[in-house]
Amino acid sequence: MSKIHTRCEEVLRWMGANSSDTFLPGLSNEEIYCLTKDTVLHLSAEITALYTWRNGQSYEDEEGLNIPFGIYVFLPLDRAISEGASLAELDGNWSKSWLPILSDDAGAYYFCDCTRSNTISQVFRYFPEADEIRCLKFESIEELLIGIVADSK
């Protein structure tokens, strides 16, 4: 089991017994490749591990959604890719190489820059209404996951 999978399981334990119902099953490496092959995105090992663990959260019942990331929802990879592409077309501040992984559905995102493939991915916050539209929040996805559990204690 990868470090990311271990950290994700810690988040699930913190969320409680019914939390796994909101998450979609993980993708295979082949499915991830098929979703990204025609994009400019180069996913890091961390992002790949995150999406092989679970493919985001279901949007079927947003009212009852158990959200471990505060107000943010973990985006399924296909939705993350399409939202990122749409943002790049509509917003001059958004890059085609940015992959939004968390969304508040009101315009704010946590994203990773997928310009080149790395082992880890820094996590940035994008908030178009703030003075600083883009800022570094976590040095890695693992750090993001550690922070979620630490903040809950």
N, C-alpha and C. Protein backbone atom coordinates (compact mmCIF):
# COMPACT_ATOMS: atom_id res chain seq x y z
N MET A 1 0.85 -1.19 0.00
CA MET A 1 0.00 0.00 0.00
C MET A 1 0.89 1.25 0.00
N SER A 2 0.58 2.22 -0.86
CA SER A 2 1.38 3.44 -0.96
C SER A 2 1.12 4.34 0.25
N LYS A 3 2.03 5.30 0.45
CA LYS A 3 1.86 6.28 1.53
C LYS A 3 0.54 7.03 1.38
N ILE A 4 0.21 7.38 0.14
CA ILE A 4 -1.03 8.12 -0.11
C ILE A 4 -2.23 7.27 0.27
N HIS A 5 -2.23 6.00 -0.11
CA HIS A 5 -3.35 5.12 0.26
C HIS A 5 -3.47 5.03 1.78
N THR A 6 -2.33 4.90 2.47
CA THR A 6 -2.33 4.83 3.93
C THR A 6 -2.94 6.10 4.53
N ARG A 7 -2.51 7.26 4.03
CA ARG A 7 -3.05 8.54 4.54
C ARG A 7 -4.55 8.66 4.23
N CYS A 8 -4.96 8.23 3.06
CA CYS A 8 -6.38 8.29 2.70
C CYS A 8 -7.21 7.40 3.62
N GLU A 9 -6.70 6.25 3.96
CA GLU A 9 -7.41 5.35 4.89
C GLU A 9 -7.52 6.00 6.27
N GLU A 10 -6.50 6.78 6.67
CA GLU A 10 -6.57 7.50 7.94
C GLU A 10 -7.70 8.53 7.90
N VAL A 11 -7.85 9.20 6.76
CA VAL A 11 -8.93 10.17 6.60
C VAL A 11 -10.28 9.46 6.71
N LEU A 12 -10.41 8.30 6.06
CA LEU A 12 -11.67 7.54 6.15
C LEU A 12 -11.98 7.14 7.58
N ARG A 13 -10.98 6.67 8.32
CA ARG A 13 -11.20 6.29 9.72
C ARG A 13 -11.66 7.50 10.52
N TRP A 14 -11.04 8.65 10.26
CA TRP A 14 -11.41 9.87 10.97
C TRP A 14 -12.86 10.26 10.65
N MET A 15 -13.27 10.07 9.39
CA MET A 15 -14.62 10.46 8.97
C MET A 15 -15.69 9.58 9.57
N GLY A 16 -15.38 8.32 9.87
CA GLY A 16 -16.37 7.45 10.47
C GLY A 16 -16.88 6.36 9.55
N ALA A 17 -17.74 5.55 10.08
CA ALA A 17 -18.19 4.32 9.43
C ALA A 17 -18.88 4.53 8.09
N ASN A 18 -19.72 5.54 7.94
CA ASN A 18 -20.49 5.73 6.72
C ASN A 18 -19.78 6.55 5.65
N SER A 19 -18.56 6.96 5.92
CA SER A 19 -17.87 7.88 5.03
C SER A 19 -17.52 7.27 3.68
N SER A 20 -17.23 5.99 3.63
CA SER A 20 -16.79 5.40 2.37
C SER A 20 -17.89 5.40 1.32
N ASP A 21 -19.16 5.55 1.74
CA ASP A 21 -20.27 5.57 0.80
C ASP A 21 -20.22 6.76 -0.17
N THR A 22 -19.59 7.86 0.24
CA THR A 22 -19.55 9.04 -0.62
C THR A 22 -18.44 8.98 -1.66
N PHE A 23 -17.51 8.07 -1.50
CA PHE A 23 -16.38 7.99 -2.42
C PHE A 23 -16.63 6.98 -3.53
N LEU A 24 -16.19 7.33 -4.74
CA LEU A 24 -16.31 6.44 -5.88
C LEU A 24 -15.14 5.46 -5.89
N PRO A 25 -15.32 4.27 -6.45
CA PRO A 25 -14.20 3.31 -6.51
C PRO A 25 -13.02 3.89 -7.27
N GLY A 26 -11.83 3.46 -6.86
CA GLY A 26 -10.61 3.94 -7.51
C GLY A 26 -10.52 3.50 -8.96
N LEU A 27 -9.70 4.21 -9.71
CA LEU A 27 -9.46 3.91 -11.12
C LEU A 27 -8.22 3.04 -11.27
N SER A 28 -8.16 2.30 -12.34
CA SER A 28 -6.93 1.57 -12.66
C SER A 28 -5.96 2.54 -13.32
N ASN A 29 -4.69 2.16 -13.37
CA ASN A 29 -3.70 2.99 -14.06
C ASN A 29 -4.07 3.16 -15.53
N GLU A 30 -4.64 2.14 -16.12
CA GLU A 30 -5.05 2.21 -17.53
C GLU A 30 -6.20 3.21 -17.70
N GLU A 31 -7.16 3.21 -16.78
CA GLU A 31 -8.26 4.17 -16.86
C GLU A 31 -7.75 5.61 -16.71
N ILE A 32 -6.80 5.79 -15.81
CA ILE A 32 -6.21 7.12 -15.62
C ILE A 32 -5.49 7.55 -16.90
N TYR A 33 -4.74 6.64 -17.49
CA TYR A 33 -4.04 6.94 -18.74
C TYR A 33 -5.04 7.35 -19.84
N CYS A 34 -6.12 6.60 -19.97
CA CYS A 34 -7.12 6.90 -21.01
C CYS A 34 -7.74 8.28 -20.80
N LEU A 35 -7.97 8.68 -19.56
CA LEU A 35 -8.56 9.99 -19.28
C LEU A 35 -7.59 11.14 -19.54
N THR A 36 -6.29 10.89 -19.39
CA THR A 36 -5.32 11.98 -19.48
C THR A 36 -4.50 12.00 -20.76
N LYS A 37 -4.56 10.96 -21.56
CA LYS A 37 -3.64 10.85 -22.71
C LYS A 37 -3.79 11.98 -23.72
N ASP A 38 -4.96 12.55 -23.87
CA ASP A 38 -5.18 13.63 -24.84
C ASP A 38 -5.15 15.01 -24.20
N THR A 39 -4.55 15.12 -23.03
CA THR A 39 -4.46 16.40 -22.33
C THR A 39 -2.99 16.79 -22.20
N VAL A 40 -2.75 17.98 -21.66
CA VAL A 40 -1.37 18.43 -21.39
C VAL A 40 -0.93 18.03 -19.98
N LEU A 41 -1.78 17.31 -19.27
CA LEU A 41 -1.51 16.95 -17.87
C LEU A 41 -0.52 15.79 -17.76
N HIS A 42 0.44 15.95 -16.87
CA HIS A 42 1.38 14.89 -16.53
C HIS A 42 1.20 14.62 -15.04
N LEU A 43 0.50 13.56 -14.70
CA LEU A 43 0.16 13.30 -13.30
C LEU A 43 1.35 12.76 -12.53
N SER A 44 1.50 13.26 -11.32
CA SER A 44 2.56 12.77 -10.43
C SER A 44 2.16 11.41 -9.87
N ALA A 45 3.12 10.75 -9.25
CA ALA A 45 2.85 9.47 -8.58
C ALA A 45 1.81 9.67 -7.47
N GLU A 46 1.86 10.82 -6.78
CA GLU A 46 0.89 11.09 -5.71
C GLU A 46 -0.54 11.22 -6.26
N ILE A 47 -0.70 11.95 -7.35
CA ILE A 47 -2.04 12.12 -7.93
C ILE A 47 -2.56 10.78 -8.43
N THR A 48 -1.69 10.02 -9.09
CA THR A 48 -2.09 8.70 -9.57
C THR A 48 -2.51 7.82 -8.40
N ALA A 49 -1.75 7.84 -7.32
CA ALA A 49 -2.09 7.03 -6.14
C ALA A 49 -3.42 7.48 -5.54
N LEU A 50 -3.66 8.79 -5.49
CA LEU A 50 -4.92 9.31 -4.96
C LEU A 50 -6.11 8.78 -5.76
N TYR A 51 -6.00 8.82 -7.08
CA TYR A 51 -7.12 8.39 -7.93
C TYR A 51 -7.22 6.88 -8.10
N THR A 52 -6.16 6.13 -7.80
CA THR A 52 -6.32 4.67 -7.77
C THR A 52 -6.94 4.25 -6.44
N TRP A 53 -6.78 5.08 -5.41
CA TRP A 53 -7.42 4.80 -4.12
C TRP A 53 -8.93 5.01 -4.24
N ARG A 54 -9.36 6.21 -4.63
CA ARG A 54 -10.77 6.53 -4.87
C ARG A 54 -10.83 7.57 -5.99
N ASN A 55 -11.88 7.50 -6.77
CA ASN A 55 -12.05 8.44 -7.88
C ASN A 55 -13.00 9.56 -7.48
N GLY A 56 -12.62 10.30 -6.47
CA GLY A 56 -13.42 11.43 -6.03
C GLY A 56 -14.66 11.02 -5.25
N GLN A 57 -15.57 11.97 -5.14
CA GLN A 57 -16.80 11.76 -4.39
C GLN A 57 -18.00 11.86 -5.31
N SER A 58 -19.04 11.12 -4.97
CA SER A 58 -20.29 11.12 -5.74
C SER A 58 -21.01 12.43 -5.51
N TYR A 59 -21.63 12.92 -6.57
CA TYR A 59 -22.41 14.15 -6.48
C TYR A 59 -23.90 13.87 -6.47
N GLU A 60 -24.30 12.63 -6.34
CA GLU A 60 -25.73 12.28 -6.39
C GLU A 60 -26.52 12.89 -5.25
N ASP A 61 -25.92 12.96 -4.08
CA ASP A 61 -26.64 13.48 -2.91
C ASP A 61 -25.76 14.52 -2.23
N GLU A 62 -25.64 15.69 -2.84
CA GLU A 62 -24.75 16.72 -2.30
C GLU A 62 -25.19 17.20 -0.92
N GLU A 63 -26.48 17.16 -0.62
CA GLU A 63 -26.96 17.63 0.67
C GLU A 63 -26.40 16.78 1.81
N GLY A 64 -26.33 15.47 1.59
CA GLY A 64 -25.86 14.59 2.64
C GLY A 64 -24.41 14.18 2.49
N LEU A 65 -23.68 14.89 1.63
CA LEU A 65 -22.31 14.53 1.34
C LEU A 65 -21.42 14.71 2.56
N ASN A 66 -20.68 13.70 2.91
CA ASN A 66 -19.74 13.75 4.02
C ASN A 66 -18.43 14.30 3.46
N ILE A 67 -18.08 15.52 3.83
CA ILE A 67 -16.95 16.20 3.22
C ILE A 67 -15.79 16.29 4.21
N PRO A 68 -14.70 15.53 3.96
CA PRO A 68 -13.56 15.56 4.87
C PRO A 68 -12.68 16.78 4.67
N PHE A 69 -12.85 17.52 3.58
CA PHE A 69 -11.95 18.61 3.23
C PHE A 69 -12.60 19.96 3.52
N GLY A 70 -13.28 20.08 4.64
CA GLY A 70 -13.98 21.32 4.96
C GLY A 70 -15.16 21.49 4.01
N ILE A 71 -15.19 22.59 3.29
CA ILE A 71 -16.27 22.85 2.34
C ILE A 71 -15.96 22.30 0.95
N TYR A 72 -14.82 21.69 0.80
CA TYR A 72 -14.37 21.23 -0.52
C TYR A 72 -14.73 19.77 -0.77
N VAL A 73 -15.06 19.47 -2.03
CA VAL A 73 -15.41 18.13 -2.47
C VAL A 73 -14.27 17.59 -3.34
N PHE A 74 -13.91 16.33 -3.13
CA PHE A 74 -12.88 15.65 -3.91
C PHE A 74 -13.47 15.32 -5.28
N LEU A 75 -12.94 15.95 -6.33
CA LEU A 75 -13.49 15.81 -7.69
C LEU A 75 -13.10 14.49 -8.34
N PRO A 76 -14.04 13.78 -8.96
CA PRO A 76 -13.69 12.63 -9.79
C PRO A 76 -12.76 13.10 -10.91
N LEU A 77 -11.87 12.24 -11.36
CA LEU A 77 -10.84 12.66 -12.32
C LEU A 77 -11.44 13.20 -13.61
N ASP A 78 -12.46 12.57 -14.16
CA ASP A 78 -13.03 13.08 -15.41
C ASP A 78 -13.61 14.48 -15.22
N ARG A 79 -14.26 14.71 -14.09
CA ARG A 79 -14.82 16.03 -13.80
C ARG A 79 -13.70 17.04 -13.56
N ALA A 80 -12.64 16.64 -12.87
CA ALA A 80 -11.50 17.53 -12.62
C ALA A 80 -10.86 17.97 -13.94
N ILE A 81 -10.69 17.02 -14.85
CA ILE A 81 -10.10 17.34 -16.15
C ILE A 81 -11.00 18.30 -16.93
N SER A 82 -12.29 18.03 -16.96
CA SER A 82 -13.20 18.90 -17.74
C SER A 82 -13.33 20.28 -17.08
N GLU A 83 -13.39 20.35 -15.76
CA GLU A 83 -13.46 21.66 -15.09
C GLU A 83 -12.19 22.45 -15.32
N GLY A 84 -11.04 21.78 -15.24
CA GLY A 84 -9.77 22.46 -15.49
C GLY A 84 -9.69 23.01 -16.91
N ALA A 85 -10.14 22.23 -17.89
CA ALA A 85 -10.13 22.69 -19.29
C ALA A 85 -11.09 23.87 -19.47
N SER A 86 -12.24 23.80 -18.86
CA SER A 86 -13.22 24.91 -18.95
C SER A 86 -12.66 26.18 -18.32
N LEU A 87 -12.04 26.03 -17.15
CA LEU A 87 -11.46 27.19 -16.48
C LEU A 87 -10.36 27.82 -17.31
N ALA A 88 -9.54 26.99 -17.97
CA ALA A 88 -8.45 27.51 -18.80
C ALA A 88 -9.00 28.33 -19.97
N GLU A 89 -10.16 27.94 -20.50
CA GLU A 89 -10.78 28.68 -21.60
C GLU A 89 -11.42 29.98 -21.13
N LEU A 90 -12.01 29.95 -19.93
CA LEU A 90 -12.80 31.09 -19.45
C LEU A 90 -12.04 32.07 -18.58
N ASP A 91 -10.98 31.63 -17.93
CA ASP A 91 -10.30 32.43 -16.92
C ASP A 91 -8.83 32.57 -17.28
N GLY A 92 -8.41 33.78 -17.58
CA GLY A 92 -7.02 34.03 -17.95
C GLY A 92 -6.01 33.75 -16.86
N ASN A 93 -6.49 33.56 -15.63
CA ASN A 93 -5.59 33.25 -14.52
C ASN A 93 -5.36 31.76 -14.34
N TRP A 94 -6.10 30.93 -15.06
CA TRP A 94 -6.03 29.47 -14.89
C TRP A 94 -5.20 28.86 -16.02
N SER A 95 -4.33 27.91 -15.69
CA SER A 95 -3.47 27.25 -16.68
C SER A 95 -4.04 25.89 -17.08
N LYS A 96 -3.86 25.51 -18.34
CA LYS A 96 -4.31 24.20 -18.82
C LYS A 96 -3.61 23.06 -18.09
N SER A 97 -2.46 23.34 -17.49
CA SER A 97 -1.72 22.27 -16.81
C SER A 97 -2.11 22.11 -15.34
N TRP A 98 -3.08 22.88 -14.88
CA TRP A 98 -3.53 22.76 -13.49
C TRP A 98 -4.70 21.79 -13.41
N LEU A 99 -4.61 20.87 -12.46
CA LEU A 99 -5.67 19.89 -12.23
C LEU A 99 -6.36 20.19 -10.90
N PRO A 100 -7.63 20.64 -10.94
CA PRO A 100 -8.33 20.87 -9.69
C PRO A 100 -8.70 19.53 -9.05
N ILE A 101 -8.31 19.33 -7.79
CA ILE A 101 -8.65 18.08 -7.13
C ILE A 101 -9.75 18.27 -6.08
N LEU A 102 -9.86 19.48 -5.55
CA LEU A 102 -10.91 19.81 -4.57
C LEU A 102 -11.63 21.06 -5.05
N SER A 103 -12.95 21.09 -4.91
CA SER A 103 -13.75 22.23 -5.33
C SER A 103 -14.80 22.56 -4.27
N ASP A 104 -15.07 23.86 -4.12
CA ASP A 104 -16.17 24.25 -3.23
C ASP A 104 -17.44 24.55 -4.01
N ASP A 105 -17.41 24.33 -5.33
CA ASP A 105 -18.54 24.58 -6.24
C ASP A 105 -18.95 26.04 -6.28
N ALA A 106 -18.10 26.93 -5.78
CA ALA A 106 -18.39 28.37 -5.84
C ALA A 106 -17.21 29.13 -6.45
N GLY A 107 -16.28 28.42 -7.08
CA GLY A 107 -15.18 29.07 -7.77
C GLY A 107 -13.82 28.92 -7.13
N ALA A 108 -13.75 28.35 -5.94
CA ALA A 108 -12.46 28.13 -5.28
C ALA A 108 -12.04 26.66 -5.43
N TYR A 109 -10.75 26.46 -5.59
CA TYR A 109 -10.22 25.11 -5.82
C TYR A 109 -8.91 24.91 -5.08
N TYR A 110 -8.60 23.65 -4.81
CA TYR A 110 -7.25 23.23 -4.49
C TYR A 110 -6.80 22.46 -5.73
N PHE A 111 -5.62 22.80 -6.25
CA PHE A 111 -5.18 22.19 -7.50
C PHE A 111 -3.70 21.85 -7.45
N CYS A 112 -3.28 21.00 -8.38
CA CYS A 112 -1.88 20.64 -8.56
C CYS A 112 -1.46 21.06 -9.96
N ASP A 113 -0.25 21.57 -10.07
CA ASP A 113 0.30 21.94 -11.37
C ASP A 113 0.89 20.69 -11.99
N CYS A 114 0.33 20.26 -13.09
CA CYS A 114 0.74 19.01 -13.76
C CYS A 114 1.54 19.29 -15.03
N THR A 115 2.42 20.29 -14.95
CA THR A 115 3.25 20.64 -16.09
C THR A 115 4.18 19.50 -16.46
N ARG A 116 4.74 18.86 -15.46
CA ARG A 116 5.63 17.72 -15.70
C ARG A 116 5.38 16.68 -14.62
N SER A 117 5.70 15.47 -14.94
CA SER A 117 5.47 14.36 -14.02
C SER A 117 6.54 14.37 -12.93
N ASN A 118 6.10 14.34 -11.70
CA ASN A 118 6.98 14.29 -10.54
C ASN A 118 6.51 13.17 -9.62
N THR A 119 7.27 12.95 -8.58
CA THR A 119 6.85 11.99 -7.57
C THR A 119 5.76 12.59 -6.70
N ILE A 120 5.98 13.84 -6.28
CA ILE A 120 5.01 14.52 -5.43
C ILE A 120 4.40 15.70 -6.18
N SER A 121 3.30 16.20 -5.67
CA SER A 121 2.63 17.37 -6.26
C SER A 121 2.33 18.38 -5.18
N GLN A 122 2.84 19.60 -5.37
CA GLN A 122 2.46 20.67 -4.47
C GLN A 122 0.98 20.98 -4.68
N VAL A 123 0.32 21.40 -3.60
CA VAL A 123 -1.10 21.71 -3.66
C VAL A 123 -1.28 23.21 -3.44
N PHE A 124 -1.91 23.85 -4.43
CA PHE A 124 -2.15 25.28 -4.40
C PHE A 124 -3.63 25.55 -4.18
N ARG A 125 -3.92 26.71 -3.63
CA ARG A 125 -5.31 27.14 -3.49
C ARG A 125 -5.55 28.22 -4.52
N TYR A 126 -6.66 28.10 -5.24
CA TYR A 126 -7.07 29.08 -6.24
C TYR A 126 -8.36 29.70 -5.76
N PHE A 127 -8.32 30.99 -5.52
CA PHE A 127 -9.51 31.71 -5.04
C PHE A 127 -9.58 33.03 -5.79
N PRO A 128 -10.39 33.10 -6.86
CA PRO A 128 -10.39 34.28 -7.71
C PRO A 128 -10.82 35.57 -7.03
N GLU A 129 -11.50 35.48 -5.91
CA GLU A 129 -11.97 36.68 -5.21
C GLU A 129 -10.92 37.25 -4.25
N ALA A 130 -9.83 36.54 -4.01
CA ALA A 130 -8.82 36.97 -3.04
C ALA A 130 -7.77 37.86 -3.70
N ASP A 131 -7.04 38.59 -2.87
CA ASP A 131 -5.95 39.42 -3.37
C ASP A 131 -4.88 38.56 -4.03
N GLU A 132 -4.60 37.43 -3.41
CA GLU A 132 -3.63 36.49 -3.95
C GLU A 132 -4.42 35.32 -4.53
N ILE A 133 -4.63 35.34 -5.84
CA ILE A 133 -5.49 34.36 -6.51
C ILE A 133 -4.97 32.94 -6.34
N ARG A 134 -3.66 32.77 -6.46
CA ARG A 134 -3.05 31.43 -6.37
C ARG A 134 -1.99 31.46 -5.28
N CYS A 135 -2.08 30.52 -4.33
CA CYS A 135 -1.05 30.45 -3.30
C CYS A 135 -0.77 28.99 -2.92
N LEU A 136 0.48 28.72 -2.61
CA LEU A 136 0.90 27.39 -2.20
C LEU A 136 0.36 27.10 -0.80
N LYS A 137 -0.34 25.96 -0.65
CA LYS A 137 -0.90 25.60 0.65
C LYS A 137 -0.21 24.39 1.28
N PHE A 138 0.18 23.41 0.43
CA PHE A 138 0.80 22.19 0.93
C PHE A 138 1.92 21.78 -0.02
N GLU A 139 3.00 21.27 0.54
CA GLU A 139 4.14 20.83 -0.27
C GLU A 139 3.88 19.52 -1.01
N SER A 140 2.84 18.81 -0.60
CA SER A 140 2.51 17.53 -1.24
C SER A 140 1.06 17.15 -0.91
N ILE A 141 0.55 16.20 -1.65
CA ILE A 141 -0.79 15.68 -1.35
C ILE A 141 -0.76 14.95 -0.02
N GLU A 142 0.34 14.26 0.27
CA GLU A 142 0.45 13.60 1.57
C GLU A 142 0.32 14.61 2.70
N GLU A 143 0.97 15.77 2.55
CA GLU A 143 0.89 16.82 3.58
C GLU A 143 -0.55 17.31 3.73
N LEU A 144 -1.27 17.45 2.62
CA LEU A 144 -2.69 17.82 2.67
C LEU A 144 -3.49 16.82 3.49
N LEU A 145 -3.28 15.55 3.23
CA LEU A 145 -4.02 14.49 3.93
C LEU A 145 -3.65 14.43 5.41
N ILE A 146 -2.37 14.62 5.73
CA ILE A 146 -1.93 14.66 7.13
C ILE A 146 -2.62 15.83 7.84
N GLY A 147 -2.70 16.96 7.15
CA GLY A 147 -3.33 18.14 7.73
C GLY A 147 -4.80 17.95 8.04
N ILE A 148 -5.50 17.22 7.20
CA ILE A 148 -6.92 16.96 7.43
C ILE A 148 -7.12 16.20 8.73
N VAL A 149 -6.33 15.15 8.93
CA VAL A 149 -6.46 14.34 10.14
C VAL A 149 -5.98 15.13 11.35
N ALA A 150 -4.87 15.86 11.24
CA ALA A 150 -4.33 16.63 12.35
C ALA A 150 -5.30 17.72 12.79
N ASP A 151 -5.95 18.39 11.82
CA ASP A 151 -6.90 19.44 12.15
C ASP A 151 -8.13 18.92 12.86
N SER A 152 -8.41 17.63 12.69
CA SER A 152 -9.61 17.07 13.29
C SER A 152 -9.40 16.65 14.74
N LYS A 153 -8.17 16.61 15.17
CA LYS A 153 -7.88 16.14 16.55
C LYS A 153 -7.92 17.26 17.55
